[in-house]
Each structure stands twice: as structure tokens, then as C-alpha cells.
Protein backbone atom coordinates (compact mmCIF):
# COMPACT_ATOMS: atom_id res chain seq x y z
CA UNK A 1 65.18 7.02 79.76
CA UNK A 2 62.95 7.47 76.54
CA UNK A 3 59.00 6.81 77.43
CA UNK A 4 57.79 3.56 75.24
CA UNK A 5 55.40 4.67 72.43
CA UNK A 6 51.95 3.93 71.97
CA UNK A 7 52.23 1.06 69.20
CA UNK A 8 54.50 -0.73 71.09
CA UNK A 9 52.54 -0.59 74.39
CA UNK A 10 49.97 -1.96 72.40
CA UNK A 11 51.77 -4.59 70.69
CA UNK A 12 52.75 -5.70 74.08
CA UNK A 13 49.77 -5.91 75.28
CA UNK A 14 48.46 -8.21 72.27
CA UNK A 15 51.12 -10.68 73.17
CA UNK A 16 50.61 -10.54 77.13
CA UNK A 17 47.08 -11.36 76.18
CA UNK A 18 47.27 -14.14 74.02
CA UNK A 19 50.07 -15.93 76.37
CA UNK A 20 47.47 -15.38 78.87
CA UNK A 21 44.62 -16.64 76.90
CA UNK A 22 46.50 -19.68 76.24
CA UNK A 23 47.23 -20.21 80.17
CA UNK A 24 43.94 -19.37 81.11
CA UNK A 25 43.01 -22.49 78.58
CA UNK A 26 44.97 -25.43 80.31
CA UNK A 27 43.17 -24.43 83.98
CA UNK A 28 39.61 -25.72 84.51
CA UNK A 29 37.94 -22.86 85.39
CA UNK A 30 40.49 -20.47 83.04
CA UNK A 31 38.16 -19.52 80.35
CA UNK A 32 34.94 -18.66 82.36
CA UNK A 33 37.26 -16.73 84.74
CA UNK A 34 38.14 -14.72 81.33
CA UNK A 35 35.03 -14.38 80.05
CA UNK A 36 33.61 -13.04 83.61
CA UNK A 37 36.86 -10.95 84.53
CA UNK A 38 38.68 -10.05 81.47
CA UNK A 39 36.16 -9.93 78.76
CA UNK A 40 34.63 -6.76 80.30
CA UNK A 41 37.38 -4.74 80.02
CA UNK A 42 37.75 -4.86 76.25
CA UNK A 43 34.02 -4.68 75.87
CA UNK A 44 34.24 -1.02 77.76
CA UNK A 45 37.20 -0.41 75.73
CA UNK A 46 35.28 -0.50 72.57
CA UNK A 47 31.99 0.59 73.68
CA UNK A 48 34.20 4.25 74.58
CA UNK A 49 35.22 4.07 70.74
CA UNK A 50 31.70 3.34 69.60
CA UNK A 51 30.38 6.04 71.85
CA UNK A 52 32.32 8.93 70.59
CA UNK A 53 32.12 7.68 67.11
CA UNK A 54 29.10 9.50 65.87
CA UNK A 55 29.78 13.21 67.14
CA UNK A 56 33.37 12.55 65.86
CA UNK A 57 31.94 12.32 62.49
CA UNK A 58 29.31 14.91 62.74
CA UNK A 59 32.11 17.52 64.79
CA UNK A 60 35.16 16.49 61.99
CA UNK A 61 33.25 16.75 58.73
CA UNK A 62 31.05 19.84 59.54
CA UNK A 63 34.00 21.54 60.48
CA UNK A 64 36.10 20.19 57.82
CA UNK A 65 33.28 21.47 55.54
CA UNK A 66 32.42 24.55 56.93
CA UNK A 67 36.50 25.33 56.95
CA UNK A 68 36.25 25.27 53.09
CA UNK A 69 34.72 28.45 52.41
CA UNK A 70 34.11 27.11 48.80
CA UNK A 71 31.72 24.35 47.79
CA UNK A 72 33.74 23.74 44.85
CA UNK A 73 36.82 21.85 46.78
CA UNK A 74 34.01 19.88 48.65
CA UNK A 75 32.99 18.28 45.25
CA UNK A 76 37.31 18.02 44.47
CA UNK A 77 37.64 15.85 46.98
CA UNK A 78 34.45 13.84 46.97
CA UNK A 79 35.56 12.69 43.29
CA UNK A 80 38.93 12.46 44.01
CA UNK A 81 37.97 9.73 47.02
CA UNK A 82 35.23 7.77 45.72
CA UNK A 83 37.04 7.22 42.36
CA UNK A 84 40.43 6.59 44.73
CA UNK A 85 38.47 3.91 46.55
CA UNK A 86 36.94 2.51 43.50
CA UNK A 87 40.12 1.73 42.07
CA UNK A 88 42.02 0.40 45.08
CA UNK A 89 39.04 -2.21 45.84
CA UNK A 90 39.22 -3.54 42.37
CA UNK A 91 42.83 -3.92 42.47
CA UNK A 92 42.07 -5.41 45.98
CA UNK A 93 39.59 -8.11 44.36
CA UNK A 94 41.89 -8.67 41.74
CA UNK A 95 44.74 -9.71 43.68
CA UNK A 96 42.60 -12.62 45.89
CA UNK A 97 41.12 -13.52 42.27
CA UNK A 98 44.61 -14.12 40.85
CA UNK A 99 45.98 -15.83 44.19
CA UNK A 100 43.14 -18.44 44.91
CA UNK A 101 43.08 -19.52 40.89
CA UNK A 102 47.05 -19.55 40.75
CA UNK A 103 47.28 -21.75 44.49
CA UNK A 104 43.72 -23.54 44.44
CA UNK A 105 43.47 -24.02 47.90
CA UNK A 106 40.44 -25.78 47.49
CA UNK A 107 41.62 -28.47 45.86
CA UNK A 108 43.38 -29.93 48.63
CA UNK A 109 40.57 -30.07 50.93
CA UNK A 110 39.33 -33.49 51.72
CA UNK A 111 35.64 -35.09 51.65
CA UNK A 112 35.82 -35.60 55.30
CA UNK A 113 37.22 -32.12 56.67
CA UNK A 114 34.10 -30.85 54.46
CA UNK A 115 31.89 -33.10 56.21
CA UNK A 116 33.36 -32.51 59.58
CA UNK A 117 33.05 -28.80 58.82
CA UNK A 118 29.24 -28.88 57.81
CA UNK A 119 28.31 -30.59 60.42
CA UNK A 120 29.60 -28.22 62.74
CA UNK A 121 28.72 -25.06 61.49
CA UNK A 122 25.96 -25.60 58.70
CA UNK A 123 22.78 -25.20 61.61
CA UNK A 124 25.10 -22.48 63.38
CA UNK A 125 22.55 -19.76 63.94
CA UNK A 126 25.63 -17.16 62.91
CA UNK A 127 25.35 -18.52 59.86
CA UNK A 128 21.79 -18.99 59.18
CA UNK A 129 21.44 -15.01 60.46
CA UNK A 130 23.89 -14.24 57.54
CA UNK A 131 22.48 -15.94 54.98
CA UNK A 132 19.18 -14.10 56.18
CA UNK A 133 20.51 -11.02 55.87
CA UNK A 134 21.95 -11.03 52.63
CA UNK A 135 18.74 -12.56 51.05
CA UNK A 136 16.97 -9.43 52.51
CA UNK A 137 19.50 -7.10 51.01
CA UNK A 138 19.62 -8.95 48.03
CA UNK A 139 15.93 -8.88 47.31
CA UNK A 140 16.52 -4.67 47.83
CA UNK A 141 15.40 -2.09 44.61
CA UNK A 142 18.86 -1.46 42.90
CA UNK A 143 18.52 2.14 44.78
CA UNK A 144 18.03 1.08 47.86
CA UNK A 145 21.34 1.79 49.14
CA UNK A 146 20.94 5.25 48.47
CA UNK A 147 17.47 5.84 49.97
CA UNK A 148 19.04 4.27 53.25
CA UNK A 149 21.85 7.02 53.18
CA UNK A 150 19.13 9.47 53.90
CA UNK A 151 17.84 9.54 57.01
CA UNK A 152 14.15 10.68 58.11
CA UNK A 153 15.11 11.40 61.75
CA UNK A 154 18.53 12.72 62.30
CA UNK A 155 18.64 11.88 65.99
CA UNK A 156 17.80 8.44 65.42
CA UNK A 157 20.56 7.88 62.88
CA UNK A 158 22.99 9.39 65.67
CA UNK A 159 21.94 7.02 67.74
CA UNK A 160 22.89 3.77 65.85
CA UNK A 161 26.01 3.18 64.97
CA UNK A 162 25.15 0.99 61.70
CA UNK A 163 23.47 4.20 60.33
CA UNK A 164 26.96 5.75 59.98
CA UNK A 165 26.28 6.76 55.88
CA UNK A 166 22.80 8.58 57.37
CA UNK A 167 24.97 10.89 59.61
CA UNK A 168 27.54 11.52 56.93
CA UNK A 169 24.96 12.18 54.38
CA UNK A 170 23.41 14.68 57.36
CA UNK A 171 26.96 15.96 58.73
CA UNK A 172 27.38 17.04 54.88
CA UNK A 173 23.81 18.31 54.54
CA UNK A 174 24.13 20.61 57.22
CA UNK A 175 28.19 21.59 56.52
CA UNK A 176 27.19 22.93 53.12
CA UNK A 177 24.09 24.84 54.34
CA UNK A 178 26.34 26.43 57.02
CA UNK A 179 28.40 27.53 53.65
CA UNK A 180 25.66 29.03 52.30
CA UNK A 181 24.46 31.34 54.92
CA UNK A 182 27.33 33.33 54.60
CA UNK A 183 30.72 32.67 56.92
CA UNK A 184 29.11 35.50 59.25
CA UNK A 185 25.83 33.84 60.25
CA UNK A 186 27.28 30.84 60.33
CA UNK A 187 30.14 31.47 62.86
CA UNK A 188 28.33 30.50 65.89
CA UNK A 189 27.41 26.80 64.44
CA UNK A 190 30.81 26.82 63.49
CA UNK A 191 32.57 27.62 67.01
CA UNK A 192 30.41 25.03 68.86
CA UNK A 193 31.59 22.11 66.06
CA UNK A 194 35.15 23.38 66.42
CA UNK A 195 35.15 23.41 69.68
CA UNK A 196 33.24 19.84 70.00
CA UNK A 197 35.90 18.41 67.48
CA UNK A 198 38.59 19.60 69.63
CA UNK A 199 36.73 17.64 72.99
CA UNK A 200 36.33 14.53 70.67
CA UNK A 201 39.56 14.34 70.17
CA UNK A 202 41.01 14.74 73.71
CA UNK A 203 38.46 11.69 74.42
CA UNK A 204 40.49 9.86 72.35
CA UNK A 205 43.38 10.40 73.63
CA UNK A 206 42.07 9.64 76.93
CA UNK A 207 40.59 6.47 75.82
CA UNK A 208 43.66 5.29 74.71
CA UNK A 209 45.59 5.85 77.65
CA UNK A 210 43.90 2.24 78.44
CA UNK A 211 44.52 0.72 74.82
CA UNK A 212 47.07 -1.72 75.89
CA UNK A 213 44.85 -3.41 79.02
CA UNK A 214 42.28 -3.45 77.03
CA UNK A 215 43.47 -4.99 73.71
CA UNK A 216 45.03 -7.71 76.32
CA UNK A 217 41.51 -8.30 77.42
CA UNK A 218 40.06 -8.48 73.94
CA UNK A 219 42.70 -11.12 72.48
CA UNK A 220 42.67 -13.12 75.56
CA UNK A 221 39.32 -13.64 74.94
CA UNK A 222 39.53 -14.31 71.35
CA UNK A 223 42.05 -17.46 72.38
CA UNK A 224 39.60 -18.90 75.01
CA UNK A 225 36.75 -18.50 72.70
CA UNK A 226 38.41 -20.20 69.30
CA UNK A 227 37.23 -22.99 67.39
CA UNK A 228 38.19 -26.70 67.63
CA UNK A 229 41.86 -25.87 66.40
CA UNK A 230 41.82 -29.34 64.18
CA UNK A 231 39.69 -27.51 62.43
CA UNK A 232 41.67 -24.52 61.98
CA UNK A 233 44.47 -26.58 60.66
CA UNK A 234 42.62 -27.99 57.94
CA UNK A 235 41.72 -24.09 56.69
CA UNK A 236 45.32 -23.14 56.91
CA UNK A 237 46.11 -23.44 53.14
CA UNK A 238 42.78 -21.27 52.60
CA UNK A 239 43.27 -18.49 55.07
CA UNK A 240 47.49 -18.57 54.13
CA UNK A 241 46.02 -17.06 50.70
CA UNK A 242 43.68 -14.58 51.92
CA UNK A 243 46.43 -13.31 54.49
CA UNK A 244 49.16 -13.54 51.53
CA UNK A 245 46.70 -11.14 49.48
CA UNK A 246 46.25 -8.61 52.39
CA UNK A 247 49.94 -8.47 52.90
CA UNK A 248 50.15 -7.66 48.93
CA UNK A 249 47.86 -4.57 49.42
CA UNK A 250 50.02 -3.49 52.30
CA UNK A 251 52.41 -3.50 49.75
CA UNK A 252 50.46 -1.84 47.04
CA UNK A 253 49.65 1.00 49.99
CA UNK A 254 53.33 1.19 50.51
CA UNK A 255 54.00 1.50 46.71
CA UNK A 256 50.75 4.94 46.42
CA UNK A 257 52.13 5.98 49.48
CA UNK A 258 55.77 6.51 48.05
CA UNK A 259 54.87 7.22 44.71
CA UNK A 260 51.74 9.48 44.71
CA UNK A 261 52.06 11.12 48.59
CA UNK A 262 55.42 11.18 48.47
CA UNK A 263 56.36 9.95 51.76
CA UNK A 264 58.21 7.13 53.42
CA UNK A 265 56.08 3.94 53.35
CA UNK A 266 57.76 2.81 56.78
CA UNK A 267 56.99 5.80 58.48
CA UNK A 268 53.33 5.77 57.63
CA UNK A 269 53.33 2.15 58.94
CA UNK A 270 54.91 3.44 62.05
CA UNK A 271 52.53 5.94 62.16
CA UNK A 272 49.47 4.09 61.46
CA UNK A 273 49.75 1.05 63.75
CA UNK A 274 47.83 2.05 66.54
CA UNK A 275 45.35 2.07 64.19
CA UNK A 276 46.02 -1.01 62.98
CA UNK A 277 46.27 -2.86 66.16
CA UNK A 278 43.18 -1.56 67.47
CA UNK A 279 41.55 -2.69 64.53
CA UNK A 280 43.16 -6.05 64.78
CA UNK A 281 41.72 -6.39 68.43
CA UNK A 282 38.34 -4.91 67.88
CA UNK A 283 37.66 -6.15 64.06
CA UNK A 284 35.66 -2.94 63.48
CA UNK A 285 36.74 0.00 60.97
CA UNK A 286 33.71 1.64 62.67
CA UNK A 287 35.03 1.27 66.54
CA UNK A 288 39.10 1.86 64.96
CA UNK A 289 37.56 5.47 63.15
CA UNK A 290 38.15 8.05 66.01
CA UNK A 291 41.76 6.42 66.42
CA UNK A 292 42.06 6.52 62.52
CA UNK A 293 41.33 9.82 62.14
CA UNK A 294 43.50 11.45 65.42
CA UNK A 295 46.55 9.27 63.62
CA UNK A 296 46.06 10.84 60.45
CA UNK A 297 45.42 14.25 61.31
CA UNK A 298 47.84 14.62 63.90
CA UNK A 299 50.88 12.11 63.38
CA UNK A 300 50.53 12.26 59.60
CA UNK A 301 49.67 15.44 58.95
CA UNK A 302 46.63 15.03 56.72
CA UNK A 303 44.27 18.38 57.11
CA UNK A 304 41.13 17.77 58.62
CA UNK A 305 39.39 19.31 55.76
CA UNK A 306 39.89 15.96 54.27
CA UNK A 307 40.26 13.69 56.78
CA UNK A 308 36.77 14.55 57.99
CA UNK A 309 35.17 13.11 54.59
CA UNK A 310 37.77 10.33 53.23
CA UNK A 311 38.14 8.41 56.35
CA UNK A 312 33.80 8.39 57.47
CA UNK A 313 33.38 7.28 54.10
CA UNK A 314 36.04 4.76 54.00
CA UNK A 315 34.98 2.90 57.21
CA UNK A 316 31.60 2.73 55.29
CA UNK A 317 32.15 1.82 52.10
CA UNK A 318 36.17 1.08 51.31
CA UNK A 319 37.03 -2.26 52.67
CA UNK A 320 39.71 -3.77 50.59
CA UNK A 321 40.53 -6.44 53.10
CA UNK A 322 37.14 -7.34 52.80
CA UNK A 323 36.54 -7.55 49.45
CA UNK A 324 39.99 -9.33 48.61
CA UNK A 325 38.67 -12.39 51.70
CA UNK A 326 35.65 -12.30 49.40
CA UNK A 327 37.11 -13.19 46.23
CA UNK A 328 39.17 -15.94 47.63
CA UNK A 329 36.31 -17.17 49.50
CA UNK A 330 33.86 -17.57 47.01
CA UNK A 331 36.50 -19.31 44.43
CA UNK A 332 37.80 -21.38 47.39
CA UNK A 333 34.30 -23.03 48.24
CA UNK A 334 33.62 -23.30 44.37
CA UNK A 335 36.76 -25.08 43.80
CA UNK A 336 35.80 -27.04 47.60
CA UNK A 337 32.61 -27.89 46.41
CA UNK A 338 33.67 -28.79 42.71
CA UNK A 339 31.00 -25.86 41.63
CA UNK A 340 32.88 -24.56 38.33
CA UNK A 341 33.43 -20.92 37.53
CA UNK A 342 34.03 -19.38 34.19
CA UNK A 343 35.83 -16.36 33.22
CA UNK A 344 32.42 -14.58 33.25
CA UNK A 345 31.89 -15.85 36.96
CA UNK A 346 34.98 -14.17 37.75
CA UNK A 347 34.05 -11.00 36.36
CA UNK A 348 30.88 -10.90 38.26
CA UNK A 349 32.33 -11.49 41.59
CA UNK A 350 34.90 -8.44 40.75
CA UNK A 351 31.72 -6.23 39.62
CA UNK A 352 29.30 -8.07 42.69
CA UNK A 353 31.60 -7.72 45.55
CA UNK A 354 32.60 -3.98 44.55
CA UNK A 355 29.12 -3.63 45.17
CA UNK A 356 28.17 -4.78 48.20
CA UNK A 357 31.06 -3.16 49.67
CA UNK A 358 29.52 -0.03 49.76
CA UNK A 359 27.13 0.46 52.83
CA UNK A 360 28.16 -2.63 54.58
CA UNK A 361 28.60 -2.01 57.91
CA UNK A 362 31.67 -1.37 58.99
CA UNK A 363 31.24 -3.98 61.98
CA UNK A 364 32.43 -7.55 62.38
CA UNK A 365 31.05 -10.23 60.79
CA UNK A 366 29.92 -7.86 57.78
CA UNK A 367 31.84 -9.71 55.04
CA UNK A 368 30.17 -12.71 55.35
CA UNK A 369 27.13 -11.05 54.50
CA UNK A 370 28.67 -9.73 51.40
CA UNK A 371 30.19 -12.66 50.97
CA UNK A 372 26.60 -14.65 50.52
CA UNK A 373 25.59 -11.76 48.19
CA UNK A 374 28.88 -12.65 46.05
CA UNK A 375 27.98 -16.41 45.67
CA UNK A 376 24.28 -15.93 45.13
CA UNK A 377 25.20 -13.58 41.82
CA UNK A 378 27.77 -16.39 40.60
CA UNK A 379 24.45 -18.87 40.81
CA UNK A 380 25.73 -20.59 43.80
CA UNK A 381 22.81 -23.21 44.31
CA UNK A 382 20.73 -22.17 47.77
CA UNK A 383 20.75 -25.29 48.90
CA UNK A 384 24.48 -25.10 49.38
CA UNK A 385 25.05 -21.91 50.96
CA UNK A 386 25.38 -23.06 54.35
CA UNK A 387 27.71 -25.50 53.67
CA UNK A 388 29.83 -23.21 51.63
CA UNK A 389 29.92 -20.77 54.82
CA UNK A 390 30.45 -23.70 57.28
CA UNK A 391 33.77 -24.36 55.11
CA UNK A 392 35.46 -21.01 56.19
CA UNK A 393 33.66 -20.26 59.28
CA UNK A 394 36.57 -22.00 61.48
CA UNK A 395 38.55 -19.26 60.59
CA UNK A 396 36.36 -16.33 59.98
CA UNK A 397 37.33 -14.79 63.06
CA UNK A 398 40.63 -14.50 62.88
CA UNK A 399 40.47 -13.50 58.92
CA UNK A 400 38.17 -10.68 59.86
CA UNK A 401 40.92 -9.03 62.53
CA UNK A 402 43.44 -9.20 59.86
CA UNK A 403 40.96 -8.01 56.60
CA UNK A 404 40.06 -4.90 59.35
CA UNK A 405 43.51 -3.87 59.88
CA UNK A 406 43.67 -3.48 55.69
CA UNK A 407 40.33 -1.50 55.52
CA UNK A 408 41.88 0.79 58.04
CA UNK A 409 45.52 1.07 56.61
CA UNK A 410 43.39 1.78 52.98
CA UNK A 411 41.20 4.11 54.62
CA UNK A 412 44.23 5.92 55.62
CA UNK A 413 46.41 5.45 53.16
CA UNK A 414 43.95 6.98 50.35
CA UNK A 415 43.49 10.05 52.39
CA UNK A 416 46.59 10.97 52.15
CA UNK A 417 46.93 10.50 48.49
CA UNK A 418 43.39 12.71 48.37
CA UNK A 419 45.27 15.45 50.52
CA UNK A 420 48.28 15.12 48.42
CA UNK A 421 46.17 15.86 45.70
CA UNK A 422 44.65 18.70 46.74
CA UNK A 423 47.66 20.52 48.80
CA UNK A 424 46.41 19.61 51.95
CA UNK A 425 49.00 16.78 53.30
CA UNK A 426 51.28 19.15 55.53
CA UNK A 427 53.50 18.57 58.90
CA UNK A 428 52.31 16.18 61.62
CA UNK A 429 51.18 18.30 65.18
CA UNK A 430 50.85 15.25 67.36
CA UNK A 431 48.79 16.69 70.95
CA UNK A 432 48.61 14.85 74.22
CA UNK A 433 45.93 14.10 76.67
CA UNK A 434 47.87 16.40 78.90
CA UNK A 435 48.36 19.39 77.09
CA UNK A 436 46.45 21.67 79.13
CA UNK A 437 46.75 19.96 81.91
CA UNK A 438 48.72 22.51 84.06
CA UNK A 439 46.13 24.76 83.51
CA UNK A 440 43.08 23.00 84.86
CA UNK A 441 44.73 20.85 87.84
């Protein structure tokens, strides 16, 4: 009998989690049972992925750069990566703006629904926290993001997953310095990071053995902790526009994969699907990063020289799904609250959403902080910001799950395109968790 592939196991786990969650909602003690006994399984899985994210970035980037033998190659990869990410983000925002202006989901939302959503969520602590965080980011200087990239203590940066850009900066700095001292003197350090990279990737394989159980737990918890279903239905048109835009982005990536990378887009989606399903379950591209790197390198054939730079950077600055969502959400809020937007305002949304995506934390809920920055950039009244966020808060969690899938898919597609452009897209070399088990059992 043929062994069931990982993405099917994860998909079955997700479906069973949804069904189990709905069944538990029918029982008085069901929600507490999932919170106490099921949710921790998913939480442990996400913690394990986050545990190895920083060591993986450190080892993978340093190995990738030290393997280059030529600094000009790194510059070539870096420039192509940043330009491609900017291009895909601008296209994502443009798709979102076109759809929300054509369909106009905000025009159909009733005054009663607005009042109910405002009453339910405007004073929500999470909404207020995001407004406060956005204000803090907005008040910072124009070069603050560059300042934030440079750590004053490498170990402090490596102890906090939210400081991913600082870890990337340190890894690149260390890798380039290893190149400059010459291959012979750098060899002991290079051997250490090569070995660390292999070990961390093996840890990914072991963690992924529990993925079907973990996504079962994560999805069951999402179901029992969901908000008022009536409010969710009231926002179905807005959510539909976001999901349609995200689907069009997948089509766009598939076109790029077929035309630029010269690979079958259906094969690409199949090979990256475990990372997509985990992105959906965790709502975090940072937590999914170890799996994304493993799938792209071993199952798609992108050379580590490319993937080790493109994917960690992408998890931090490339948020196509989130940027599209911001464009749709900003215009939807303006439509619902009768705030007129000019063509110049819409161009401002494109520029601000692009800039806001750089350095935004790759964690659940970061998109809403970016949205506040976008709304403030078009002169949206400060006293209505809480109302605006309240309008979309009910469906933010499921949409966050969907847009994280697109963020991860975009990172993988760009890594293929960059790899193809520099001749580093080869054949897949799949490694299993038990490849060396016979030697040690």
C-alpha cells in the first residue's frame, strides 16, 4: 500500500479538527475540554517551530553565503530578491484595490451592522493595542527601520523571534566576514555551521511527524474560539473580496513559476502545500519558515545559496497577502463609514502598504497594525480608527490564516524565480527523518 503523503495527512488533520471543534461546541463542557486538553498540542508544535527558526536562519544564511566563494554573487541574489519582492507586493496591492473598488463591499453594509460591530469590538483590548502600536511605529523617524535592523547584542537578537531582521543582518555580516578571511581560515567555522544546518533540518523532519496532530488541535481551537457567527455572516462580502484577491495572487504566482522558472505550477503547489497548510493553521510565516525552507530546498530544488537568503528575508519583508488585505480593508472601511477616497489617496495606500510591509513582524495580527498606518496615511479620522478596525475584527483571524498562506506561497515562488535567474534551480533531493536511522539504532 502506498504511503500517504504528508500534505494529505495534514489536510485530514485539519478537516478532523474542524469537525471535532464544531461537535465540541454542541457540548456544554466542549470548549473547556479543547482549551485544556487539545489546544496545548498545537501550541507545543508552534513553539517547536519557533524554537528552531533562529538557529535555522543563522546556520542556513551563513552556510549559503560562505558557499558562494564570491561576494558579487551575493549582491546579485540580493538585488534580484528585493526588486522581485517589491514588484509582487505592488501587484498584490493593485489587485486588492481593483477588486474592492469594482465590487464595493462596504456599500452594502447596514447601519445596524456597523453599530453592532462597533459596540462589540471598538473597545476590545486587542484593537486598542494595535492602534497604540501603529502610533508608535508611525511616530518613529524615516530611517527607523534601518536602525532597527542592526542589533546592539547578537545574543539578545537571537533570543527574540520578533527581531528576525536583526538575526538576518548578523548572519549576513558574519557570512561575508567569513568569505573575506579566506576559505582556509574560515573552514572550522564553516564546518560548524554546515553541521548545525544539517541538524536543524533534521529537527524539522522530526517536528513534521507530529504536524497532522498539531493542525487538528490548532483548527479545533480556532473553531471553539471563533466570534459571533451572525457578525461573521454580515462581513461575508468583504471577506469574499479578500479571498478572491488572494486566489488571484496564487494564479499570478503560478504564471510566474510557469513562465520564468519553467516549472509546472501544479507541481509547485503540491510540493509547497505542507508549508501552506501549516501557514493556514498557525497564521505565522515566521513559525512556518523552517518548513518552507525544507520544502523549497529538498522538494523543489532551490539551492541553499538562494533559499537561505530569499526565504528568511521574505518572511520578514514580503507580505503580499497582508498587503492585499490592507488595500481591501482600508477601502472597505472608507466605503462603510462614507469616507471619500480620491485617486491620490489610493496611490498613497499602494505606497504606504508597500513601506509598512517592510520589517513588519511575521506573526499573527501584524497586518492590523499595518492597516492602522495605512488608514492614517490617507487622513482617516483618528476618532474613527477604533470603529474602522471593529468593522473587520470579527473576520480578521480567518483572513489572517488565508493571507499567511499567500505570504508563504509568494516567498517560495520568488525563491524559485531568483534561483532560476542565477542558475541555482536544480533537481529535488528529498531527505527523510530516518535516512541515517540504521546507523544509530
